[in-house]
Amino acid sequence: MSRDRAALGCLLALGAVWLVYAPYAEFVLDDWYLYQKLQQADRQGWRAEWKLAGALVQNTVWGAFRTTWMGHLAVLALSQLLGARPALYFLLSVAAHAGAGYLLYLTLARLGSGTRLAFLAGTLWILLPTARHPVFWFPTCATYVLSAFWFLLYLYLVAGTVEQGGLGARSTAVQVLTLILALFSTDQIFGLLVSGALAMAILWRSRAALASTLLAWGTVAGAAFVYLRFVNRAAVGDSVTARLEFTWGRVAENLGRIWSDYQRLSGGGDSYYRLAGIGWGALAALEAAALVFWRLYLGVQGETRQRRAGPASFVLFGAGLWAAGYGATWFLRWRELRYDYLPSLGLAVAWAAVAAAVLERAPRPWMAAGGAALAGWGSAGLVAEIQQCWRPQAESARAIRDEVLRLRRSAITT
């Protein structure tokens, strides 16, 4: 447990790299549309707030069928506590993201990955370029961040049933709760909810995980039926046919777009940002690299739990989570970078497992050096993206907001 606490401290320290953006954090893009509705309801009183909450639950705000109402209700509640303070929303987003990284570490360790592989996967999740967009774009994309957290808490509980060899009553109740929280935080999570425990049951040959699989299927089907039949007010058929195209050609086209975006997020070539010229941001990359090297080399003298599975099982597990993480977006007629967030869970696991397999027989410094290099690259890319993408966008949004307020004050005085 002491080593798990040390891992938590290291992962939180890696998450602190995100705080470079905190002084510039601002509502951007659709944030203003959502916050406008929240602010209008707040000014009109509690009846308007209850009406807005009901509209979010029933899908009448946007008029399209979604299963995101719990995520939006969380934002509505936060707006009552935080008001118009974008930096506080951002800090909560980073905390949830880093917390999910720790849950990923604990889950893999429970499954017998060994401490190094588990820690490297948590590190990659926190720093991967594909797992950034919703963290910056909070509160609109809070649904993705929250659903990842709830899903990983659920997966950690399922790993516990694998470790203990049985599904107890208490674990059953909590698994049902986390399944519902994840399901109604974002609709993209559906594929992960129905396949996460199944992957464990197959790869770890666990009857307990199979029981969790049946529980997940029953919970998701039952909750979805109740929501569709008694709560939702949006037209389901029109929403699906307008957005989705169930053809292999659409899947192949989206796969090509995913690969293209992965290349553009890497920081090299025709990328969204450039790693060169990040200036003092290089210190953050060096700090992350040194921290990961210390954790993988000096900080781990042995495994915190008995290793029960080789890297190959985790490569397959990660690949399955990656494919399932895209859910229905495989069939969408358009593509957004936020769709890469949930699949990055699988990407982090698979990448960490491949690194462990390649470097397993090498001297310990090689594993530590490889992890440090990945952490340095991820941190450098994060700082570069903040400096070259999100900070300019935030400053532009703030300038527009200030000009609108100035014109409003000028109109009132005249």
Foldseek 3Di string as FASTA:
>chain_A
DVLLVVLLVLLVLLLCLLCVLLVLAAAFDCSVVLVVQLVVLVVVDDVSLVVVLLCLLQVNPPQFDWLASLLSVVVSVVCVVPPRRRSVQLVVLSVLQSLLLSLQLLLVLLLQAFNLLSSLLSLCLSQPLLAPVLSSNPPVSSLLSQLSSLLSVLSSLLSVCQSVQAQDPVSLVSNLVSLSRNVNNGVLCVLCLLCLLVLCCVLVVGPRSVVVNVSSVVSNVVVVVCSVPPRHDHDHVVNDVVWFDPDVVLLVVVVVVVVVQSVQLQQDDVHPFHLPPLPPLLVSLQVSLVSLLCCQAVVDPTTPDHRDDALVSQLVSLVSQLVSSLPRVSGTPDDDSNSSNRNSSSVSRNVSSVLCVVCVPPPSSVSSNVSSVSSSSSSSSSSRCSVRPVSVSSVVVVVVVVVVVVVVVVVVVD
